[in-house]
Amino acid sequence: GRFTISRDNAKNTVYLQMNNLKPEDTAVYYCHAQPAGIVYWG
């Protein structure tokens, strides 16, 4: 209800829109992808 994930495949890009942020949202945010069955992290 606060965050929305979306993607643009033409740009190989994923987005995270974060609204109504709370102090408990404080963290390091990591991107994740699994092309060809292999997991990668940003």
Full PDB file with SEQRES, HELIX, SHEET, SSBOND, CRYST1, ORIGX, SCALE, CONECT and MASTER records, all heavy atoms in Angstrom:
SEQRES   1 A   42  GLY ARG PHE THR ILE SER ARG ASP ASN ALA LYS ASN THR          
SEQRES   2 A   42  VAL TYR LEU GLN MET ASN ASN LEU LYS PRO GLU ASP THR          
SEQRES   3 A   42  ALA VAL TYR TYR CYS HIS ALA GLN PRO ALA GLY ILE VAL          
SEQRES   4 A   42  TYR TRP GLY                                                  
HELIX    1 AA1 ASN A    9  LYS A   11  5                                   3    
HELIX    2 AA2 PRO A   23  ASP A   25  5                                   3    
HELIX    3 AA3 PRO A   35  GLY A   37  5                                   3    
SHEET    1 AA1 2 PHE A   3  ASP A   8  0                                        
SHEET    2 AA1 2 THR A  13  MET A  18 -1                                        
SHEET    1 AA2 2 HIS A  32  ALA A  33  0                                        
SHEET    2 AA2 2 TYR A  40  TRP A  41 -1                                        
CRYST1    1.000    1.000    1.000  90.00  90.00  90.00 P 1           1          
ORIGX1      1.000000  0.000000  0.000000        0.00000                         
ORIGX2      0.000000  1.000000  0.000000        0.00000                         
ORIGX3      0.000000  0.000000  1.000000        0.00000                         
SCALE1      1.000000  0.000000  0.000000        0.00000                         
SCALE2      0.000000  1.000000  0.000000        0.00000                         
SCALE3      0.000000  0.000000  1.000000        0.00000                         
ATOM      1  N   GLY A   1       0.792  -1.221   0.000  1.00  0.00           N  
ATOM      2  CA  GLY A   1       0.000   0.000   0.000  1.00  0.00           C  
ATOM      3  C   GLY A   1       0.821   1.265   0.000  1.00  0.00           C  
ATOM      4  O   GLY A   1       0.269   2.356  -0.215  1.00  0.00           O  
ATOM      5  N   ARG A   2       2.120   1.160   0.242  1.00  0.00           N  
ATOM      6  CA  ARG A   2       2.999   2.328   0.270  1.00  0.00           C  
ATOM      7  C   ARG A   2       4.057   2.291  -0.832  1.00  0.00           C  
ATOM      8  O   ARG A   2       4.438   3.333  -1.360  1.00  0.00           O  
ATOM      9  CB  ARG A   2       3.700   2.451   1.621  1.00  0.00           C  
ATOM     10  CG  ARG A   2       2.746   2.626   2.797  1.00  0.00           C  
ATOM     11  CD  ARG A   2       3.496   2.906   4.093  1.00  0.00           C  
ATOM     12  NE  ARG A   2       4.360   1.791   4.480  1.00  0.00           N  
ATOM     13  CZ  ARG A   2       5.681   1.874   4.624  1.00  0.00           C  
ATOM     14  NH1 ARG A   2       6.300   3.037   4.421  1.00  0.00           N  
ATOM     15  NH2 ARG A   2       6.384   0.809   4.993  1.00  0.00           N  
ATOM     16  N   PHE A   3       4.541   1.102  -1.166  1.00  0.00           N  
ATOM     17  CA  PHE A   3       5.586   0.940  -2.178  1.00  0.00           C  
ATOM     18  C   PHE A   3       4.995   0.316  -3.433  1.00  0.00           C  
ATOM     19  O   PHE A   3       4.095  -0.533  -3.360  1.00  0.00           O  
ATOM     20  CB  PHE A   3       6.710   0.039  -1.677  1.00  0.00           C  
ATOM     21  CG  PHE A   3       7.537   0.598  -0.554  1.00  0.00           C  
ATOM     22  CD1 PHE A   3       7.192   1.784   0.085  1.00  0.00           C  
ATOM     23  CD2 PHE A   3       8.675  -0.071  -0.137  1.00  0.00           C  
ATOM     24  CE1 PHE A   3       7.953   2.291   1.125  1.00  0.00           C  
ATOM     25  CE2 PHE A   3       9.452   0.420   0.892  1.00  0.00           C  
ATOM     26  CZ  PHE A   3       9.095   1.606   1.531  1.00  0.00           C  
ATOM     27  N   THR A   4       5.523   0.704  -4.587  1.00  0.00           N  
ATOM     28  CA  THR A   4       5.112   0.145  -5.862  1.00  0.00           C  
ATOM     29  C   THR A   4       6.341  -0.212  -6.685  1.00  0.00           C  
ATOM     30  O   THR A   4       7.223   0.622  -6.879  1.00  0.00           O  
ATOM     31  CB  THR A   4       4.239   1.130  -6.655  1.00  0.00           C  
ATOM     32  OG1 THR A   4       3.087   1.484  -5.892  1.00  0.00           O  
ATOM     33  CG2 THR A   4       3.786   0.501  -7.972  1.00  0.00           C  
ATOM     34  N   ILE A   5       6.391  -1.449  -7.171  1.00  0.00           N  
ATOM     35  CA  ILE A   5       7.485  -1.889  -8.015  1.00  0.00           C  
ATOM     36  C   ILE A   5       7.025  -1.895  -9.470  1.00  0.00           C  
ATOM     37  O   ILE A   5       5.875  -2.236  -9.767  1.00  0.00           O  
ATOM     38  CB  ILE A   5       8.008  -3.279  -7.588  1.00  0.00           C  
ATOM     39  CG1 ILE A   5       9.283  -3.639  -8.351  1.00  0.00           C  
ATOM     40  CG2 ILE A   5       6.939  -4.346  -7.761  1.00  0.00           C  
ATOM     41  CD1 ILE A   5       9.970  -4.897  -7.818  1.00  0.00           C  
ATOM     42  N   SER A   6       7.916  -1.517 -10.374  1.00  0.00           N  
ATOM     43  CA  SER A   6       7.620  -1.519 -11.799  1.00  0.00           C  
ATOM     44  C   SER A   6       8.905  -1.795 -12.568  1.00  0.00           C  
ATOM     45  O   SER A   6       9.993  -1.798 -11.993  1.00  0.00           O  
ATOM     46  CB  SER A   6       6.989  -0.191 -12.239  1.00  0.00           C  
ATOM     47  OG  SER A   6       7.874   0.890 -12.006  1.00  0.00           O  
ATOM     48  N   ARG A   7       8.783  -2.025 -13.868  1.00  0.00           N  
ATOM     49  CA  ARG A   7       9.970  -2.299 -14.668  1.00  0.00           C  
ATOM     50  C   ARG A   7       9.807  -1.781 -16.080  1.00  0.00           C  
ATOM     51  O   ARG A   7       8.691  -1.598 -16.578  1.00  0.00           O  
ATOM     52  CB  ARG A   7      10.276  -3.805 -14.687  1.00  0.00           C  
ATOM     53  CG  ARG A   7       9.234  -4.653 -15.413  1.00  0.00           C  
ATOM     54  CD  ARG A   7       9.474  -6.134 -15.157  1.00  0.00           C  
ATOM     55  NE  ARG A   7      10.727  -6.596 -15.725  1.00  0.00           N  
ATOM     56  CZ  ARG A   7      11.345  -7.727 -15.390  1.00  0.00           C  
ATOM     57  NH1 ARG A   7      10.813  -8.516 -14.461  1.00  0.00           N  
ATOM     58  NH2 ARG A   7      12.484  -8.069 -15.978  1.00  0.00           N  
ATOM     59  N   ASP A   8      10.942  -1.561 -16.732  1.00  0.00           N  
ATOM     60  CA  ASP A   8      11.006  -1.168 -18.128  1.00  0.00           C  
ATOM     61  C   ASP A   8      11.982  -2.125 -18.793  1.00  0.00           C  
ATOM     62  O   ASP A   8      13.198  -1.958 -18.690  1.00  0.00           O  
ATOM     63  CB  ASP A   8      11.468   0.285 -18.268  1.00  0.00           C  
ATOM     64  CG  ASP A   8      11.432   0.772 -19.705  1.00  0.00           C  
ATOM     65  OD1 ASP A   8      11.395  -0.054 -20.638  1.00  0.00           O  
ATOM     66  OD2 ASP A   8      11.443   2.010 -19.903  1.00  0.00           O  
ATOM     67  N   ASN A   9      11.457  -3.139 -19.463  1.00  0.00           N  
ATOM     68  CA  ASN A   9      12.314  -4.169 -20.037  1.00  0.00           C  
ATOM     69  C   ASN A   9      13.225  -3.639 -21.143  1.00  0.00           C  
ATOM     70  O   ASN A   9      14.320  -4.164 -21.348  1.00  0.00           O  
ATOM     71  CB  ASN A   9      11.465  -5.320 -20.580  1.00  0.00           C  
ATOM     72  CG  ASN A   9      10.938  -6.217 -19.484  1.00  0.00           C  
ATOM     73  OD1 ASN A   9      11.484  -6.262 -18.384  1.00  0.00           O  
ATOM     74  ND2 ASN A   9       9.869  -6.948 -19.778  1.00  0.00           N  
ATOM     75  N   ALA A  10      12.790  -2.614 -21.856  1.00  0.00           N  
ATOM     76  CA  ALA A  10      13.621  -2.035 -22.903  1.00  0.00           C  
ATOM     77  C   ALA A  10      14.887  -1.411 -22.338  1.00  0.00           C  
ATOM     78  O   ALA A  10      15.883  -1.269 -23.050  1.00  0.00           O  
ATOM     79  CB  ALA A  10      12.838  -0.999 -23.697  1.00  0.00           C  
ATOM     80  N   LYS A  11      14.854  -1.033 -21.064  1.00  0.00           N  
ATOM     81  CA  LYS A  11      15.998  -0.407 -20.416  1.00  0.00           C  
ATOM     82  C   LYS A  11      16.663  -1.303 -19.380  1.00  0.00           C  
ATOM     83  O   LYS A  11      17.582  -0.867 -18.694  1.00  0.00           O  
ATOM     84  CB  LYS A  11      15.571   0.901 -19.743  1.00  0.00           C  
ATOM     85  CG  LYS A  11      15.001   1.934 -20.697  1.00  0.00           C  
ATOM     86  CD  LYS A  11      14.559   3.191 -19.953  1.00  0.00           C  
ATOM     87  CE  LYS A  11      13.999   4.225 -20.901  1.00  0.00           C  
ATOM     88  NZ  LYS A  11      13.544   5.447 -20.182  1.00  0.00           N  
ATOM     89  N   ASN A  12      16.208  -2.553 -19.258  1.00  0.00           N  
ATOM     90  CA  ASN A  12      16.724  -3.469 -18.240  1.00  0.00           C  
ATOM     91  C   ASN A  12      16.716  -2.818 -16.858  1.00  0.00           C  
ATOM     92  O   ASN A  12      17.667  -2.942 -16.086  1.00  0.00           O  
ATOM     93  CB  ASN A  12      18.146  -3.931 -18.581  1.00  0.00           C  
ATOM     94  CG  ASN A  12      18.170  -4.983 -19.673  1.00  0.00           C  
ATOM     95  OD1 ASN A  12      17.182  -5.667 -19.925  1.00  0.00           O  
ATOM     96  ND2 ASN A  12      19.312  -5.116 -20.326  1.00  0.00           N  
ATOM     97  N   THR A  13      15.621  -2.143 -16.546  1.00  0.00           N  
ATOM     98  CA  THR A  13      15.543  -1.345 -15.336  1.00  0.00           C  
ATOM     99  C   THR A  13      14.313  -1.717 -14.517  1.00  0.00           C  
ATOM    100  O   THR A  13      13.234  -1.929 -15.072  1.00  0.00           O  
ATOM    101  CB  THR A  13      15.503   0.150 -15.668  1.00  0.00           C  
ATOM    102  OG1 THR A  13      16.688   0.508 -16.397  1.00  0.00           O  
ATOM    103  CG2 THR A  13      15.442   0.992 -14.403  1.00  0.00           C  
ATOM    104  N   VAL A  14      14.495  -1.773 -13.207  1.00  0.00           N  
ATOM    105  CA  VAL A  14      13.397  -1.967 -12.282  1.00  0.00           C  
ATOM    106  C   VAL A  14      13.370  -0.788 -11.321  1.00  0.00           C  
ATOM    107  O   VAL A  14      14.423  -0.267 -10.936  1.00  0.00           O  
ATOM    108  CB  VAL A  14      13.520  -3.309 -11.521  1.00  0.00           C  
ATOM    109  CG1 VAL A  14      14.786  -3.352 -10.674  1.00  0.00           C  
ATOM    110  CG2 VAL A  14      12.285  -3.559 -10.674  1.00  0.00           C  
ATOM    111  N   TYR A  15      12.173  -0.352 -10.947  1.00  0.00           N  
ATOM    112  CA  TYR A  15      11.997   0.805 -10.088  1.00  0.00           C  
ATOM    113  C   TYR A  15      11.258   0.419  -8.814  1.00  0.00           C  
ATOM    114  O   TYR A  15      10.509  -0.551  -8.772  1.00  0.00           O  
ATOM    115  CB  TYR A  15      11.182   1.895 -10.799  1.00  0.00           C  
ATOM    116  CG  TYR A  15      11.737   2.316 -12.136  1.00  0.00           C  
ATOM    117  CD1 TYR A  15      11.260   1.754 -13.316  1.00  0.00           C  
ATOM    118  CD2 TYR A  15      12.728   3.287 -12.221  1.00  0.00           C  
ATOM    119  CE1 TYR A  15      11.760   2.141 -14.546  1.00  0.00           C  
ATOM    120  CE2 TYR A  15      13.235   3.679 -13.447  1.00  0.00           C  
ATOM    121  CZ  TYR A  15      12.747   3.104 -14.604  1.00  0.00           C  
ATOM    122  OH  TYR A  15      13.252   3.496 -15.821  1.00  0.00           O  
ATOM    123  N   LEU A  16      11.466   1.213  -7.780  1.00  0.00           N  
ATOM    124  CA  LEU A  16      10.705   1.079  -6.547  1.00  0.00           C  
ATOM    125  C   LEU A  16      10.277   2.473  -6.107  1.00  0.00           C  
ATOM    126  O   LEU A  16      11.103   3.267  -5.674  1.00  0.00           O  
ATOM    127  CB  LEU A  16      11.527   0.403  -5.444  1.00  0.00           C  
ATOM    128  CG  LEU A  16      10.772   0.126  -4.146  1.00  0.00           C  
ATOM    129  CD1 LEU A  16       9.708  -0.950  -4.364  1.00  0.00           C  
ATOM    130  CD2 LEU A  16      11.731  -0.293  -3.036  1.00  0.00           C  
ATOM    131  N   GLN A  17       8.991   2.765  -6.241  1.00  0.00           N  
ATOM    132  CA  GLN A  17       8.432   4.020  -5.766  1.00  0.00           C  
ATOM    133  C   GLN A  17       8.019   3.839  -4.316  1.00  0.00           C  
ATOM    134  O   GLN A  17       7.175   2.993  -4.007  1.00  0.00           O  
ATOM    135  CB  GLN A  17       7.225   4.434  -6.612  1.00  0.00           C  
ATOM    136  CG  GLN A  17       6.568   5.733  -6.164  1.00  0.00           C  
ATOM    137  CD  GLN A  17       7.465   6.933  -6.346  1.00  0.00           C  
ATOM    138  OE1 GLN A  17       8.073   7.095  -7.396  1.00  0.00           O  
ATOM    139  NE2 GLN A  17       7.556   7.775  -5.318  1.00  0.00           N  
ATOM    140  N   MET A  18       8.608   4.621  -3.424  1.00  0.00           N  
ATOM    141  CA  MET A  18       8.364   4.508  -1.998  1.00  0.00           C  
ATOM    142  C   MET A  18       7.668   5.766  -1.506  1.00  0.00           C  
ATOM    143  O   MET A  18       8.238   6.860  -1.564  1.00  0.00           O  
ATOM    144  CB  MET A  18       9.677   4.289  -1.240  1.00  0.00           C  
ATOM    145  CG  MET A  18      10.469   3.087  -1.731  1.00  0.00           C  
ATOM    146  SD  MET A  18      11.944   2.770  -0.729  1.00  0.00           S  
ATOM    147  CE  MET A  18      12.904   4.233  -1.135  1.00  0.00           C  
ATOM    148  N   ASN A  19       6.445   5.613  -1.030  1.00  0.00           N  
ATOM    149  CA  ASN A  19       5.658   6.722  -0.520  1.00  0.00           C  
ATOM    150  C   ASN A  19       5.370   6.526   0.962  1.00  0.00           C  
ATOM    151  O   ASN A  19       5.423   5.413   1.477  1.00  0.00           O  
ATOM    152  CB  ASN A  19       4.334   6.849  -1.287  1.00  0.00           C  
ATOM    153  CG  ASN A  19       4.521   7.146  -2.753  1.00  0.00           C  
ATOM    154  OD1 ASN A  19       5.439   7.867  -3.145  1.00  0.00           O  
ATOM    155  ND2 ASN A  19       3.635   6.600  -3.588  1.00  0.00           N  
ATOM    156  N   ASN A  20       5.036   7.618   1.633  1.00  0.00           N  
ATOM    157  CA  ASN A  20       4.717   7.587   3.063  1.00  0.00           C  
ATOM    158  C   ASN A  20       5.782   6.829   3.848  1.00  0.00           C  
ATOM    159  O   ASN A  20       5.486   5.922   4.627  1.00  0.00           O  
ATOM    160  CB  ASN A  20       3.340   6.965   3.286  1.00  0.00           C  
ATOM    161  CG  ASN A  20       2.830   7.146   4.697  1.00  0.00           C  
ATOM    162  OD1 ASN A  20       3.239   8.073   5.403  1.00  0.00           O  
ATOM    163  ND2 ASN A  20       1.943   6.262   5.131  1.00  0.00           N  
ATOM    164  N   LEU A  21       7.016   7.215   3.646  1.00  0.00           N  
ATOM    165  CA  LEU A  21       8.127   6.523   4.287  1.00  0.00           C  
ATOM    166  C   LEU A  21       8.102   6.688   5.801  1.00  0.00           C  
ATOM    167  O   LEU A  21       7.725   7.744   6.324  1.00  0.00           O  
ATOM    168  CB  LEU A  21       9.450   7.025   3.722  1.00  0.00           C  
ATOM    169  CG  LEU A  21       9.783   6.488   2.328  1.00  0.00           C  
ATOM    170  CD1 LEU A  21      10.818   7.362   1.638  1.00  0.00           C  
ATOM    171  CD2 LEU A  21      10.286   5.047   2.433  1.00  0.00           C  
ATOM    172  N   LYS A  22       8.515   5.630   6.485  1.00  0.00           N  
ATOM    173  CA  LYS A  22       8.554   5.592   7.940  1.00  0.00           C  
ATOM    174  C   LYS A  22       9.982   5.346   8.409  1.00  0.00           C  
ATOM    175  O   LYS A  22      10.788   4.783   7.670  1.00  0.00           O  
ATOM    176  CB  LYS A  22       7.642   4.474   8.460  1.00  0.00           C  
ATOM    177  CG  LYS A  22       6.196   4.581   8.003  1.00  0.00           C  
ATOM    178  CD  LYS A  22       5.386   3.389   8.475  1.00  0.00           C  
ATOM    179  CE  LYS A  22       3.948   3.487   8.022  1.00  0.00           C  
ATOM    180  NZ  LYS A  22       3.148   2.326   8.476  1.00  0.00           N  
ATOM    181  N   PRO A  23      10.311   5.746   9.643  1.00  0.00           N  
ATOM    182  CA  PRO A  23      11.664   5.494  10.149  1.00  0.00           C  
ATOM    183  C   PRO A  23      12.074   4.029  10.062  1.00  0.00           C  
ATOM    184  O   PRO A  23      13.253   3.739   9.821  1.00  0.00           O  
ATOM    185  CB  PRO A  23      11.593   5.974  11.604  1.00  0.00           C  
ATOM    186  CG  PRO A  23      10.560   7.041  11.579  1.00  0.00           C  
ATOM    187  CD  PRO A  23       9.527   6.567  10.587  1.00  0.00           C  
ATOM    188  N   GLU A  24      11.137   3.109  10.247  1.00  0.00           N  
ATOM    189  CA  GLU A  24      11.458   1.694  10.173  1.00  0.00           C  
ATOM    190  C   GLU A  24      11.774   1.214   8.762  1.00  0.00           C  
ATOM    191  O   GLU A  24      12.177   0.064   8.572  1.00  0.00           O  
ATOM    192  CB  GLU A  24      10.330   0.841  10.774  1.00  0.00           C  
ATOM    193  CG  GLU A  24       8.950   1.185  10.248  1.00  0.00           C  
ATOM    194  CD  GLU A  24       8.194   2.136  11.154  1.00  0.00           C  
ATOM    195  OE1 GLU A  24       8.798   3.118  11.639  1.00  0.00           O  
ATOM    196  OE2 GLU A  24       6.993   1.904  11.387  1.00  0.00           O  
ATOM    197  N   ASP A  25      11.592   2.069   7.761  1.00  0.00           N  
ATOM    198  CA  ASP A  25      11.995   1.748   6.398  1.00  0.00           C  
ATOM    199  C   ASP A  25      13.485   1.986   6.177  1.00  0.00           C  
ATOM    200  O   ASP A  25      14.010   1.629   5.116  1.00  0.00           O  
ATOM    201  CB  ASP A  25      11.201   2.572   5.385  1.00  0.00           C  
ATOM    202  CG  ASP A  25       9.721   2.231   5.374  1.00  0.00           C  
ATOM    203  OD1 ASP A  25       9.382   1.039   5.457  1.00  0.00           O  
ATOM    204  OD2 ASP A  25       8.910   3.171   5.269  1.00  0.00           O  
ATOM    205  N   THR A  26      14.156   2.598   7.135  1.00  0.00           N  
ATOM    206  CA  THR A  26      15.584   2.865   7.013  1.00  0.00           C  
ATOM    207  C   THR A  26      16.352   1.559   6.848  1.00  0.00           C  
ATOM    208  O   THR A  26      16.235   0.652   7.666  1.00  0.00           O  
ATOM    209  CB  THR A  26      16.101   3.624   8.237  1.00  0.00           C  
ATOM    210  OG1 THR A  26      15.473   4.909   8.303  1.00  0.00           O  
ATOM    211  CG2 THR A  26      17.605   3.814   8.164  1.00  0.00           C  
ATOM    212  N   ALA A  27      17.139   1.466   5.789  1.00  0.00           N  
ATOM    213  CA  ALA A  27      17.890   0.251   5.481  1.00  0.00           C  
ATOM    214  C   ALA A  27      18.720   0.485   4.231  1.00  0.00           C  
ATOM    215  O   ALA A  27      18.581   1.509   3.559  1.00  0.00           O  
ATOM    216  CB  ALA A  27      16.942  -0.935   5.263  1.00  0.00           C  
ATOM    217  N   VAL A  28      19.586  -0.478   3.939  1.00  0.00           N  
ATOM    218  CA  VAL A  28      20.227  -0.533   2.636  1.00  0.00           C  
ATOM    219  C   VAL A  28      19.330  -1.355   1.729  1.00  0.00           C  
ATOM    220  O   VAL A  28      18.970  -2.486   2.061  1.00  0.00           O  
ATOM    221  CB  VAL A  28      21.636  -1.151   2.699  1.00  0.00           C  
ATOM    222  CG1 VAL A  28      22.235  -1.260   1.301  1.00  0.00           C  
ATOM    223  CG2 VAL A  28      22.537  -0.316   3.596  1.00  0.00           C  
ATOM    224  N   TYR A  29      18.966  -0.798   0.602  1.00  0.00           N  
ATOM    225  CA  TYR A  29      18.075  -1.463  -0.338  1.00  0.00           C  
ATOM    226  C   TYR A  29      18.892  -2.068  -1.468  1.00  0.00           C  
ATOM    227  O   TYR A  29      19.686  -1.379  -2.118  1.00  0.00           O  
ATOM    228  CB  TYR A  29      17.043  -0.473  -0.886  1.00  0.00           C  
ATOM    229  CG  TYR A  29      15.949  -0.176   0.104  1.00  0.00           C  
ATOM    230  CD1 TYR A  29      16.214   0.571   1.246  1.00  0.00           C  
ATOM    231  CD2 TYR A  29      14.655  -0.662  -0.084  1.00  0.00           C  
ATOM    232  CE1 TYR A  29      15.226   0.824   2.186  1.00  0.00           C  
ATOM    233  CE2 TYR A  29      13.655  -0.409   0.839  1.00  0.00           C  
ATOM    234  CZ  TYR A  29      13.946   0.334   1.972  1.00  0.00           C  
ATOM    235  OH  TYR A  29      12.950   0.585   2.890  1.00  0.00           O  
ATOM    236  N   TYR A  30      18.681  -3.359  -1.705  1.00  0.00           N  
ATOM    237  CA  TYR A  30      19.438  -4.113  -2.693  1.00  0.00           C  
ATOM    238  C   TYR A  30      18.557  -4.542  -3.854  1.00  0.00           C  
ATOM    239  O   TYR A  30      17.455  -5.052  -3.645  1.00  0.00           O  
ATOM    240  CB  TYR A  30      20.057  -5.366  -2.066  1.00  0.00           C  
ATOM    241  CG  TYR A  30      21.106  -5.091  -1.019  1.00  0.00           C  
ATOM    242  CD1 TYR A  30      20.768  -5.008   0.321  1.00  0.00           C  
ATOM    243  CD2 TYR A  30      22.441  -4.927  -1.385  1.00  0.00           C  
ATOM    244  CE1 TYR A  30      21.725  -4.760   1.289  1.00  0.00           C  
ATOM    245  CE2 TYR A  30      23.402  -4.683  -0.431  1.00  0.00           C  
ATOM    246  CZ  TYR A  30      23.046  -4.602   0.905  1.00  0.00           C  
ATOM    247  OH  TYR A  30      24.006  -4.367   1.858  1.00  0.00           O  
ATOM    248  N   CYS A  31      19.058  -4.367  -5.042  1.00  0.00           N  
ATOM    249  CA  CYS A  31      18.391  -4.865  -6.238  1.00  0.00           C  
ATOM    250  C   CYS A  31      18.721  -6.337  -6.435  1.00  0.00           C  
ATOM    251  O   CYS A  31      19.842  -6.779  -6.161  1.00  0.00           O  
ATOM    252  CB  CYS A  31      18.837  -4.054  -7.457  1.00  0.00           C  
ATOM    253  SG  CYS A  31      18.016  -4.501  -9.004  1.00  0.00           S  
ATOM    254  N   HIS A  32      17.749  -7.100  -6.922  1.00  0.00           N  
ATOM    255  CA  HIS A  32      17.890  -8.535  -7.132  1.00  0.00           C  
ATOM    256  C   HIS A  32      17.376  -8.900  -8.518  1.00  0.00           C  
ATOM    257  O   HIS A  32      16.362  -8.368  -8.978  1.00  0.00           O  
ATOM    258  CB  HIS A  32      17.098  -9.284  -6.050  1.00  0.00           C  
ATOM    259  CG  HIS A  32      16.872 -10.732  -6.333  1.00  0.00           C  
ATOM    260  ND1 HIS A  32      15.835 -11.183  -7.123  1.00  0.00           N  
ATOM    261  CD2 HIS A  32      17.536 -11.844  -5.914  1.00  0.00           C  
ATOM    262  CE1 HIS A  32      15.869 -12.505  -7.181  1.00  0.00           C  
ATOM    263  NE2 HIS A  32      16.892 -12.924  -6.462  1.00  0.00           N  
ATOM    264  N   ALA A  33      18.075  -9.806  -9.178  1.00  0.00           N  
ATOM    265  CA  ALA A  33      17.624 -10.304 -10.470  1.00  0.00           C  
ATOM    266  C   ALA A  33      18.064 -11.742 -10.637  1.00  0.00           C  
ATOM    267  O   ALA A  33      19.074 -12.167 -10.071  1.00  0.00           O  
ATOM    268  CB  ALA A  33      18.164  -9.448 -11.614  1.00  0.00           C  
ATOM    269  N   GLN A  34      17.317 -12.492 -11.432  1.00  0.00           N  
ATOM    270  CA  GLN A  34      17.617 -13.910 -11.633  1.00  0.00           C  
ATOM    271  C   GLN A  34      17.509 -14.277 -13.115  1.00  0.00           C  
ATOM    272  O   GLN A  34      16.609 -15.026 -13.509  1.00  0.00           O  
ATOM    273  CB  GLN A  34      16.676 -14.768 -10.794  1.00  0.00           C  
ATOM    274  CG  GLN A  34      17.095 -16.214 -10.686  1.00  0.00           C  
ATOM    275  CD  GLN A  34      16.216 -16.992  -9.707  1.00  0.00           C  
ATOM    276  OE1 GLN A  34      15.419 -16.416  -8.979  1.00  0.00           O  
ATOM    277  NE2 GLN A  34      16.372 -18.290  -9.691  1.00  0.00           N  
ATOM    278  N   PRO A  35      18.415 -13.756 -13.937  1.00  0.00           N  
ATOM    279  CA  PRO A  35      18.426 -14.153 -15.348  1.00  0.00           C  
ATOM    280  C   PRO A  35      19.067 -15.523 -15.521  1.00  0.00           C  
ATOM    281  O   PRO A  35      20.052 -15.847 -14.853  1.00  0.00           O  
ATOM    282  CB  PRO A  35      19.266 -13.055 -16.005  1.00  0.00           C  
ATOM    283  CG  PRO A  35      20.224 -12.641 -14.931  1.00  0.00           C  
ATOM    284  CD  PRO A  35      19.449 -12.764 -13.637  1.00  0.00           C  
ATOM    285  N   ALA A  36      18.502 -16.334 -16.403  1.00  0.00           N  
ATOM    286  CA  ALA A  36      19.045 -17.657 -16.726  1.00  0.00           C  
ATOM    287  C   ALA A  36      19.253 -18.516 -15.488  1.00  0.00           C  
ATOM    288  O   ALA A  36      20.169 -19.335 -15.452  1.00  0.00           O  
ATOM    289  CB  ALA A  36      20.352 -17.516 -17.506  1.00  0.00           C  
ATOM    290  N   GLY A  37      18.427 -18.337 -14.480  1.00  0.00           N  
ATOM    291  CA  GLY A  37      18.480 -19.157 -13.291  1.00  0.00           C  
ATOM    292  C   GLY A  37      19.587 -18.836 -12.311  1.00  0.00           C  
ATOM    293  O   GLY A  37      19.766 -19.567 -11.338  1.00  0.00           O  
ATOM    294  N   ILE A  38      20.344 -17.766 -12.523  1.00  0.00           N  
ATOM    295  CA  ILE A  38      21.440 -17.372 -11.648  1.00  0.00           C  
ATOM    296  C   ILE A  38      21.066 -16.091 -10.921  1.00  0.00           C  
ATOM    297  O   ILE A  38      20.611 -15.132 -11.543  1.00  0.00           O  
ATOM    298  CB  ILE A  38      22.746 -17.181 -12.434  1.00  0.00           C  
ATOM    299  CG1 ILE A  38      23.101 -18.468 -13.181  1.00  0.00           C  
ATOM    300  CG2 ILE A  38      23.883 -16.780 -11.500  1.00  0.00           C  
ATOM    301  CD1 ILE A  38      24.295 -18.339 -14.094  1.00  0.00           C  
ATOM    302  N   VAL A  39      21.282 -16.070  -9.604  1.00  0.00           N  
ATOM    303  CA  VAL A  39      20.897 -14.928  -8.783  1.00  0.00           C  
ATOM    304  C   VAL A  39      22.019 -13.898  -8.739  1.00  0.00           C  
ATOM    305  O   VAL A  39      23.182 -14.242  -8.509  1.00  0.00           O  
ATOM    306  CB  VAL A  39      20.531 -15.375  -7.364  1.00  0.00           C  
ATOM    307  CG1 VAL A  39      20.247 -14.172  -6.480  1.00  0.00           C  
ATOM    308  CG2 VAL A  39      19.324 -16.301  -7.403  1.00  0.00           C  
ATOM    309  N   TYR A  40      21.662 -12.635  -8.915  1.00  0.00           N  
ATOM    310  CA  TYR A  40      22.606 -11.532  -8.825  1.00  0.00           C  
ATOM    311  C   TYR A  40      22.066 -10.474  -7.881  1.00  0.00           C  
ATOM    312  O   TYR A  40      20.853 -10.274  -7.763  1.00  0.00           O  
ATOM    313  CB  TYR A  40      22.860 -10.906 -10.200  1.00  0.00           C  
ATOM    314  CG  TYR A  40      23.518 -11.842 -11.181  1.00  0.00           C  
ATOM    315  CD1 TYR A  40      22.765 -12.571 -12.083  1.00  0.00           C  
ATOM    316  CD2 TYR A  40      24.906 -11.992 -11.199  1.00  0.00           C  
ATOM    317  CE1 TYR A  40      23.367 -13.440 -12.976  1.00  0.00           C  
ATOM    318  CE2 TYR A  40      25.510 -12.860 -12.092  1.00  0.00           C  
ATOM    319  CZ  TYR A  40      24.738 -13.580 -12.981  1.00  0.00           C  
ATOM    320  OH  TYR A  40      25.340 -14.441 -13.872  1.00  0.00           O  
ATOM    321  N   TRP A  41      22.999  -9.778  -7.225  1.00  0.00           N  
ATOM    322  CA  TRP A  41      22.673  -8.699  -6.299  1.00  0.00           C  
ATOM    323  C   TRP A  41      23.440  -7.440  -6.654  1.00  0.00           C  
ATOM    324  O   TRP A  41      24.592  -7.500  -7.087  1.00  0.00           O  
ATOM    325  CB  TRP A  41      23.028  -9.081  -4.859  1.00  0.00           C  
ATOM    326  CG  TRP A  41      22.253 -10.231  -4.316  1.00  0.00           C  
ATOM    327  CD1 TRP A  41      22.622 -11.538  -4.314  1.00  0.00           C  
ATOM    328  CD2 TRP A  41      20.977 -10.175  -3.682  1.00  0.00           C  
ATOM    329  NE1 TRP A  41      21.651 -12.306  -3.711  1.00  0.00           N  
ATOM    330  CE2 TRP A  41      20.631 -11.500  -3.313  1.00  0.00           C  
ATOM    331  CE3 TRP A  41      20.096  -9.138  -3.385  1.00  0.00           C  
ATOM    332  CZ2 TRP A  41      19.437 -11.806  -2.661  1.00  0.00           C  
ATOM    333  CZ3 TRP A  41      18.910  -9.443  -2.738  1.00  0.00           C  
ATOM    334  CH2 TRP A  41      18.590 -10.762  -2.380  1.00  0.00           C  
ATOM    335  N   GLY A  42      22.796  -6.284  -6.454  1.00  0.00           N  
ATOM    336  CA  GLY A  42      23.495  -5.022  -6.563  1.00  0.00           C  
ATOM    337  C   GLY A  42      24.267  -4.718  -5.294  1.00  0.00           C  
ATOM    338  O   GLY A  42      24.230  -5.474  -4.318  1.00  0.00           O  
TER     339      GLY A  42                                                      
MASTER        0    0    0    3    4    0    0    6  338    1    0    4          
END                                                                             
